[in-house]
């Protein structure tokens, strides 16, 4: 896993070709890749919100209770795993339109590796300052989109023009999934499972 992660940042096109040649079961993929990468933002957010606290503007940091942070981190972890599975399933379904026949496991692998910058960007949550989060988040999203547009034609072995349309469709669905997660978060908070603040750190 580690060499693929490094390769996606140093020589992405070559790394996508190597990933394309691998075949893993969904269970093995989740155990060795997705579960570990998705844990980065969840664990870092738990440590950051309970140890350092959120810093908004110039105000003092505010920390969450351990129980509240644990629940929110667990829910975000589950949401990330579900998002990867949904995106992988959509890519698998959409591939038929472009005469590509990847397995579902390979499509989930593609979704996992494409989201790698977002997962690694979760390291910024160790010190959850709004400006740090904004800068790191913007960079992570930008590189994720780059990996999507560069990697999909290579991974699916389709022409670049078809790859551009395919990637655009995947990006649109990804935005829909993101909005759905945000809406679910609002609903969950409304049911009384929102953050519990302890005050200033």
C-alpha atoms as a PDB file:
ATOM      1  CA  UNK A   1       0.000   0.000   0.000  1.00  0.00           C
ATOM      2  CA  UNK A   2       2.696   2.494   1.025  1.00  0.00           C
ATOM      3  CA  UNK A   3       4.597   2.280  -2.256  1.00  0.00           C
ATOM      4  CA  UNK A   4       1.380   2.935  -4.186  1.00  0.00           C
ATOM      5  CA  UNK A   5       0.617   5.976  -2.017  1.00  0.00           C
ATOM      6  CA  UNK A   6       4.106   7.385  -2.575  1.00  0.00           C
ATOM      7  CA  UNK A   7       3.946   6.580  -6.278  1.00  0.00           C
ATOM      8  CA  UNK A   8       0.683   8.473  -6.743  1.00  0.00           C
ATOM      9  CA  UNK A   9       2.460  11.610  -5.553  1.00  0.00           C
ATOM     10  CA  UNK A  10       5.719  11.116  -7.455  1.00  0.00           C
ATOM     11  CA  UNK A  11       4.742   9.434 -10.747  1.00  0.00           C
ATOM     12  CA  UNK A  12       0.942   9.025 -10.815  1.00  0.00           C
ATOM     13  CA  UNK A  13       0.528   7.869 -14.421  1.00  0.00           C
ATOM     14  CA  UNK A  14       3.049   5.057 -14.017  1.00  0.00           C
ATOM     15  CA  UNK A  15       1.567   4.101 -10.645  1.00  0.00           C
ATOM     16  CA  UNK A  16      -1.947   3.869 -12.078  1.00  0.00           C
ATOM     17  CA  UNK A  17      -0.655   1.381 -14.665  1.00  0.00           C
ATOM     18  CA  UNK A  18       0.846  -0.743 -11.911  1.00  0.00           C
ATOM     19  CA  UNK A  19      -2.347  -0.627  -9.836  1.00  0.00           C
ATOM     20  CA  UNK A  20      -4.374  -1.580 -12.920  1.00  0.00           C
ATOM     21  CA  UNK A  21      -2.393  -4.801 -13.234  1.00  0.00           C
ATOM     22  CA  UNK A  22      -3.263  -5.932  -9.708  1.00  0.00           C
ATOM     23  CA  UNK A  23      -6.339  -7.900  -8.706  1.00  0.00           C
ATOM     24  CA  UNK A  24      -7.485  -8.034  -5.091  1.00  0.00           C
ATOM     25  CA  UNK A  25     -10.594  -9.245  -3.331  1.00  0.00           C
ATOM     26  CA  UNK A  26     -12.793  -6.591  -1.770  1.00  0.00           C
ATOM     27  CA  UNK A  27     -12.156  -7.991   1.704  1.00  0.00           C
ATOM     28  CA  UNK A  28      -8.371  -7.926   1.240  1.00  0.00           C
ATOM     29  CA  UNK A  29      -8.536  -4.447  -0.260  1.00  0.00           C
ATOM     30  CA  UNK A  30     -10.504  -3.078   2.693  1.00  0.00           C
ATOM     31  CA  UNK A  31      -8.315  -4.811   5.276  1.00  0.00           C
ATOM     32  CA  UNK A  32      -5.009  -3.664   3.786  1.00  0.00           C
ATOM     33  CA  UNK A  33      -5.902  -0.330   2.199  1.00  0.00           C
ATOM     34  CA  UNK A  34      -9.247   1.328   2.756  1.00  0.00           C
ATOM     35  CA  UNK A  35      -9.649   0.646   6.485  1.00  0.00           C
ATOM     36  CA  UNK A  36      -6.183   2.041   7.202  1.00  0.00           C
ATOM     37  CA  UNK A  37      -6.352   5.133   4.995  1.00  0.00           C
ATOM     38  CA  UNK A  38      -9.867   6.098   6.125  1.00  0.00           C
ATOM     39  CA  UNK A  39      -8.737   5.846   9.754  1.00  0.00           C
ATOM     40  CA  UNK A  40      -6.247   8.700   9.339  1.00  0.00           C
ATOM     41  CA  UNK A  41      -8.748  11.620   9.387  1.00  0.00           C
ATOM     42  CA  UNK A  42     -10.955   9.927  12.010  1.00  0.00           C
ATOM     43  CA  UNK A  43      -8.109   9.254  14.457  1.00  0.00           C
ATOM     44  CA  UNK A  44      -6.471  12.635  13.866  1.00  0.00           C
ATOM     45  CA  UNK A  45      -9.784  14.445  14.379  1.00  0.00           C
ATOM     46  CA  UNK A  46     -10.319  12.611  17.678  1.00  0.00           C
ATOM     47  CA  UNK A  47      -6.849  13.544  18.921  1.00  0.00           C
ATOM     48  CA  UNK A  48      -7.110  17.119  17.701  1.00  0.00           C
ATOM     49  CA  UNK A  49     -10.560  17.898  19.067  1.00  0.00           C
ATOM     50  CA  UNK A  50      -9.900  16.370  22.491  1.00  0.00           C
ATOM     51  CA  UNK A  51      -6.255  17.368  22.923  1.00  0.00           C
ATOM     52  CA  UNK A  52      -5.842  20.723  21.187  1.00  0.00           C
ATOM     53  CA  UNK A  53      -9.382  21.873  20.455  1.00  0.00           C
ATOM     54  CA  UNK A  54     -10.849  23.776  17.552  1.00  0.00           C
ATOM     55  CA  UNK A  55      -9.489  27.229  16.889  1.00  0.00           C
ATOM     56  CA  UNK A  56     -11.863  29.570  15.064  1.00  0.00           C
ATOM     57  CA  UNK A  57     -10.512  32.937  13.917  1.00  0.00           C
ATOM     58  CA  UNK A  58      -8.548  34.484  16.796  1.00  0.00           C
ATOM     59  CA  UNK A  59     -10.592  32.939  19.590  1.00  0.00           C
ATOM     60  CA  UNK A  60      -9.269  30.457  22.136  1.00  0.00           C
ATOM     61  CA  UNK A  61      -9.398  26.731  21.242  1.00  0.00           C
ATOM     62  CA  UNK A  62     -12.485  24.787  22.290  1.00  0.00           C
ATOM     63  CA  UNK A  63     -12.274  21.063  23.043  1.00  0.00           C
ATOM     64  CA  UNK A  64     -14.854  18.288  22.767  1.00  0.00           C
ATOM     65  CA  UNK A  65     -15.626  15.685  25.383  1.00  0.00           C
ATOM     66  CA  UNK A  66     -13.960  12.324  24.799  1.00  0.00           C
ATOM     67  CA  UNK A  67     -17.310  10.568  24.402  1.00  0.00           C
ATOM     68  CA  UNK A  68     -18.613  13.108  21.910  1.00  0.00           C
ATOM     69  CA  UNK A  69     -15.390  13.114  19.898  1.00  0.00           C
ATOM     70  CA  UNK A  70     -15.336   9.309  19.870  1.00  0.00           C
ATOM     71  CA  UNK A  71     -18.877   9.097  18.500  1.00  0.00           C
ATOM     72  CA  UNK A  72     -18.235  11.751  15.839  1.00  0.00           C
ATOM     73  CA  UNK A  73     -14.937  10.148  14.782  1.00  0.00           C
ATOM     74  CA  UNK A  74     -16.574   6.721  14.524  1.00  0.00           C
ATOM     75  CA  UNK A  75     -19.447   8.077  12.453  1.00  0.00           C
ATOM     76  CA  UNK A  76     -17.078   9.955  10.139  1.00  0.00           C
ATOM     77  CA  UNK A  77     -14.997   6.786   9.723  1.00  0.00           C
ATOM     78  CA  UNK A  78     -18.080   4.785   8.754  1.00  0.00           C
ATOM     79  CA  UNK A  79     -19.164   7.560   6.377  1.00  0.00           C
ATOM     80  CA  UNK A  80     -15.775   7.519   4.635  1.00  0.00           C
ATOM     81  CA  UNK A  81     -15.870   3.740   4.192  1.00  0.00           C
ATOM     82  CA  UNK A  82     -19.383   3.936   2.793  1.00  0.00           C
ATOM     83  CA  UNK A  83     -18.434   6.778   0.454  1.00  0.00           C
ATOM     84  CA  UNK A  84     -15.547   4.757  -0.989  1.00  0.00           C
ATOM     85  CA  UNK A  85     -17.831   1.752  -1.523  1.00  0.00           C
ATOM     86  CA  UNK A  86     -20.508   3.902  -3.180  1.00  0.00           C
ATOM     87  CA  UNK A  87     -18.005   5.583  -5.490  1.00  0.00           C
ATOM     88  CA  UNK A  88     -16.440   2.227  -6.384  1.00  0.00           C
ATOM     89  CA  UNK A  89     -19.863   0.771  -7.172  1.00  0.00           C
ATOM     90  CA  UNK A  90     -20.742   3.767  -9.347  1.00  0.00           C
ATOM     91  CA  UNK A  91     -17.459   3.532 -11.253  1.00  0.00           C
ATOM     92  CA  UNK A  92     -18.082  -0.188 -11.785  1.00  0.00           C
ATOM     93  CA  UNK A  93     -21.593   0.487 -13.072  1.00  0.00           C
ATOM     94  CA  UNK A  94     -20.540   3.416 -15.252  1.00  0.00           C
ATOM     95  CA  UNK A  95     -17.615   1.513 -16.804  1.00  0.00           C
ATOM     96  CA  UNK A  96     -20.005  -0.499 -18.961  1.00  0.00           C
ATOM     97  CA  UNK A  97     -20.923   2.677 -20.828  1.00  0.00           C
ATOM     98  CA  UNK A  98     -17.304   2.941 -21.980  1.00  0.00           C
ATOM     99  CA  UNK A  99     -16.863  -0.755 -22.806  1.00  0.00           C
ATOM    100  CA  UNK A 100     -14.576  -1.254 -19.829  1.00  0.00           C
ATOM    101  CA  UNK A 101     -14.958  -4.374 -17.696  1.00  0.00           C
ATOM    102  CA  UNK A 102     -13.079  -3.878 -14.411  1.00  0.00           C
ATOM    103  CA  UNK A 103     -14.113  -5.928 -11.388  1.00  0.00           C
ATOM    104  CA  UNK A 104     -15.921  -4.269  -8.503  1.00  0.00           C
ATOM    105  CA  UNK A 105     -12.848  -4.784  -6.305  1.00  0.00           C
ATOM    106  CA  UNK A 106     -10.645  -2.930  -8.808  1.00  0.00           C
ATOM    107  CA  UNK A 107     -13.146  -0.056  -8.973  1.00  0.00           C
ATOM    108  CA  UNK A 108     -13.167   0.219  -5.180  1.00  0.00           C
ATOM    109  CA  UNK A 109      -9.371   0.150  -5.281  1.00  0.00           C
ATOM    110  CA  UNK A 110      -9.436   3.016  -7.760  1.00  0.00           C
ATOM    111  CA  UNK A 111     -11.820   4.989  -5.537  1.00  0.00           C
ATOM    112  CA  UNK A 112      -9.603   4.355  -2.517  1.00  0.00           C
ATOM    113  CA  UNK A 113      -6.394   5.440  -4.192  1.00  0.00           C
ATOM    114  CA  UNK A 114      -8.036   8.454  -5.815  1.00  0.00           C
ATOM    115  CA  UNK A 115      -9.185   9.608  -2.371  1.00  0.00           C
ATOM    116  CA  UNK A 116      -5.686   9.125  -0.883  1.00  0.00           C
ATOM    117  CA  UNK A 117      -4.908  12.888  -0.769  1.00  0.00           C
ATOM    118  CA  UNK A 118      -8.168  13.476   1.117  1.00  0.00           C
ATOM    119  CA  UNK A 119      -7.307  10.750   3.625  1.00  0.00           C
ATOM    120  CA  UNK A 120      -3.780  12.080   4.134  1.00  0.00           C
ATOM    121  CA  UNK A 121      -5.148  15.612   4.389  1.00  0.00           C
ATOM    122  CA  UNK A 122      -6.882  14.402   7.532  1.00  0.00           C
ATOM    123  CA  UNK A 123      -3.510  14.760   9.273  1.00  0.00           C
ATOM    124  CA  UNK A 124      -4.307  18.473   9.479  1.00  0.00           C
ATOM    125  CA  UNK A 125      -7.026  17.603  12.002  1.00  0.00           C
ATOM    126  CA  UNK A 126      -4.309  16.888  14.577  1.00  0.00           C
ATOM    127  CA  UNK A 127      -4.205  20.636  15.096  1.00  0.00           C
ATOM    128  CA  UNK A 128      -7.690  21.684  13.970  1.00  0.00           C
ATOM    129  CA  UNK A 129      -7.259  25.341  13.063  1.00  0.00           C
ATOM    130  CA  UNK A 130      -9.737  26.674  10.512  1.00  0.00           C
ATOM    131  CA  UNK A 131      -7.090  28.195   8.195  1.00  0.00           C
ATOM    132  CA  UNK A 132      -4.838  25.141   8.305  1.00  0.00           C
ATOM    133  CA  UNK A 133      -7.822  22.928   7.546  1.00  0.00           C
ATOM    134  CA  UNK A 134      -8.892  25.176   4.675  1.00  0.00           C
ATOM    135  CA  UNK A 135      -5.457  25.268   3.035  1.00  0.00           C
ATOM    136  CA  UNK A 136      -4.744  21.551   3.441  1.00  0.00           C
ATOM    137  CA  UNK A 137      -8.293  20.628   2.429  1.00  0.00           C
ATOM    138  CA  UNK A 138      -8.132  22.733  -0.736  1.00  0.00           C
ATOM    139  CA  UNK A 139      -4.795  21.190  -1.730  1.00  0.00           C
ATOM    140  CA  UNK A 140      -6.094  17.670  -1.003  1.00  0.00           C
ATOM    141  CA  UNK A 141      -9.243  18.172  -3.067  1.00  0.00           C
ATOM    142  CA  UNK A 142      -7.245  19.645  -5.951  1.00  0.00           C
ATOM    143  CA  UNK A 143      -4.836  16.709  -6.061  1.00  0.00           C
ATOM    144  CA  UNK A 144      -7.678  14.201  -5.716  1.00  0.00           C
ATOM    145  CA  UNK A 145      -9.357  15.709  -8.788  1.00  0.00           C
ATOM    146  CA  UNK A 146      -6.000  15.606 -10.598  1.00  0.00           C
ATOM    147  CA  UNK A 147      -5.561  11.908  -9.767  1.00  0.00           C
ATOM    148  CA  UNK A 148      -9.099  11.220 -10.967  1.00  0.00           C
ATOM    149  CA  UNK A 149      -8.643  12.852 -14.363  1.00  0.00           C
ATOM    150  CA  UNK A 150      -5.141  11.457 -14.888  1.00  0.00           C
ATOM    151  CA  UNK A 151      -5.848   7.997 -13.538  1.00  0.00           C
ATOM    152  CA  UNK A 152      -9.257   7.027 -14.880  1.00  0.00           C
ATOM    153  CA  UNK A 153      -8.326   6.800 -18.597  1.00  0.00           C
ATOM    154  CA  UNK A 154      -5.198   4.804 -17.680  1.00  0.00           C
ATOM    155  CA  UNK A 155      -6.951   2.579 -15.162  1.00  0.00           C
ATOM    156  CA  UNK A 156      -9.890   1.842 -17.463  1.00  0.00           C
ATOM    157  CA  UNK A 157      -7.699   1.689 -20.588  1.00  0.00           C
ATOM    158  CA  UNK A 158      -9.980   4.034 -22.510  1.00  0.00           C
ATOM    159  CA  UNK A 159      -9.230   7.045 -24.772  1.00  0.00           C
ATOM    160  CA  UNK A 160      -8.474  10.370 -23.003  1.00  0.00           C
ATOM    161  CA  UNK A 161     -11.600  12.100 -24.351  1.00  0.00           C
ATOM    162  CA  UNK A 162     -13.840   9.342 -22.987  1.00  0.00           C
ATOM    163  CA  UNK A 163     -11.817   9.386 -19.783  1.00  0.00           C
ATOM    164  CA  UNK A 164     -12.526  13.089 -19.352  1.00  0.00           C
ATOM    165  CA  UNK A 165     -16.295  12.531 -19.607  1.00  0.00           C
ATOM    166  CA  UNK A 166     -16.116   9.502 -17.306  1.00  0.00           C
ATOM    167  CA  UNK A 167     -14.058  11.442 -14.745  1.00  0.00           C
ATOM    168  CA  UNK A 168     -16.470  14.362 -14.857  1.00  0.00           C
ATOM    169  CA  UNK A 169     -19.361  12.002 -14.128  1.00  0.00           C
ATOM    170  CA  UNK A 170     -17.481  10.458 -11.206  1.00  0.00           C
ATOM    171  CA  UNK A 171     -16.666  13.918  -9.850  1.00  0.00           C
ATOM    172  CA  UNK A 172     -20.328  14.944 -10.045  1.00  0.00           C
ATOM    173  CA  UNK A 173     -21.426  11.831  -8.156  1.00  0.00           C
ATOM    174  CA  UNK A 174     -18.690  12.441  -5.598  1.00  0.00           C
ATOM    175  CA  UNK A 175     -20.109  15.898  -4.928  1.00  0.00           C
ATOM    176  CA  UNK A 176     -23.586  14.406  -4.507  1.00  0.00           C
ATOM    177  CA  UNK A 177     -22.220  11.882  -1.997  1.00  0.00           C
ATOM    178  CA  UNK A 178     -20.494  14.702  -0.114  1.00  0.00           C
ATOM    179  CA  UNK A 179     -23.718  16.713   0.093  1.00  0.00           C
ATOM    180  CA  UNK A 180     -25.576  13.590   1.268  1.00  0.00           C
ATOM    181  CA  UNK A 181     -23.021  13.059   4.052  1.00  0.00           C
ATOM    182  CA  UNK A 182     -23.365  16.683   5.130  1.00  0.00           C
ATOM    183  CA  UNK A 183     -27.159  16.399   5.169  1.00  0.00           C
ATOM    184  CA  UNK A 184     -26.952  13.192   7.213  1.00  0.00           C
ATOM    185  CA  UNK A 185     -24.641  14.985   9.665  1.00  0.00           C
ATOM    186  CA  UNK A 186     -27.183  17.760  10.171  1.00  0.00           C
ATOM    187  CA  UNK A 187     -29.934  15.193  10.760  1.00  0.00           C
ATOM    188  CA  UNK A 188     -27.829  13.257  13.269  1.00  0.00           C
ATOM    189  CA  UNK A 189     -26.952  16.446  15.145  1.00  0.00           C
ATOM    190  CA  UNK A 190     -30.641  17.335  15.207  1.00  0.00           C
ATOM    191  CA  UNK A 191     -31.349  13.988  16.897  1.00  0.00           C
ATOM    192  CA  UNK A 192     -29.160  14.999  19.815  1.00  0.00           C
ATOM    193  CA  UNK A 193     -25.895  13.339  18.750  1.00  0.00           C
ATOM    194  CA  UNK A 194     -24.066  16.590  18.073  1.00  0.00           C
ATOM    195  CA  UNK A 195     -20.742  17.658  19.589  1.00  0.00           C
ATOM    196  CA  UNK A 196     -20.462  18.248  23.328  1.00  0.00           C
ATOM    197  CA  UNK A 197     -18.091  21.075  24.152  1.00  0.00           C
ATOM    198  CA  UNK A 198     -16.067  21.223  27.347  1.00  0.00           C
ATOM    199  CA  UNK A 199     -14.975  24.822  26.901  1.00  0.00           C
ATOM    200  CA  UNK A 200     -11.571  26.288  26.259  1.00  0.00           C
ATOM    201  CA  UNK A 201      -8.511  24.060  26.083  1.00  0.00           C
END
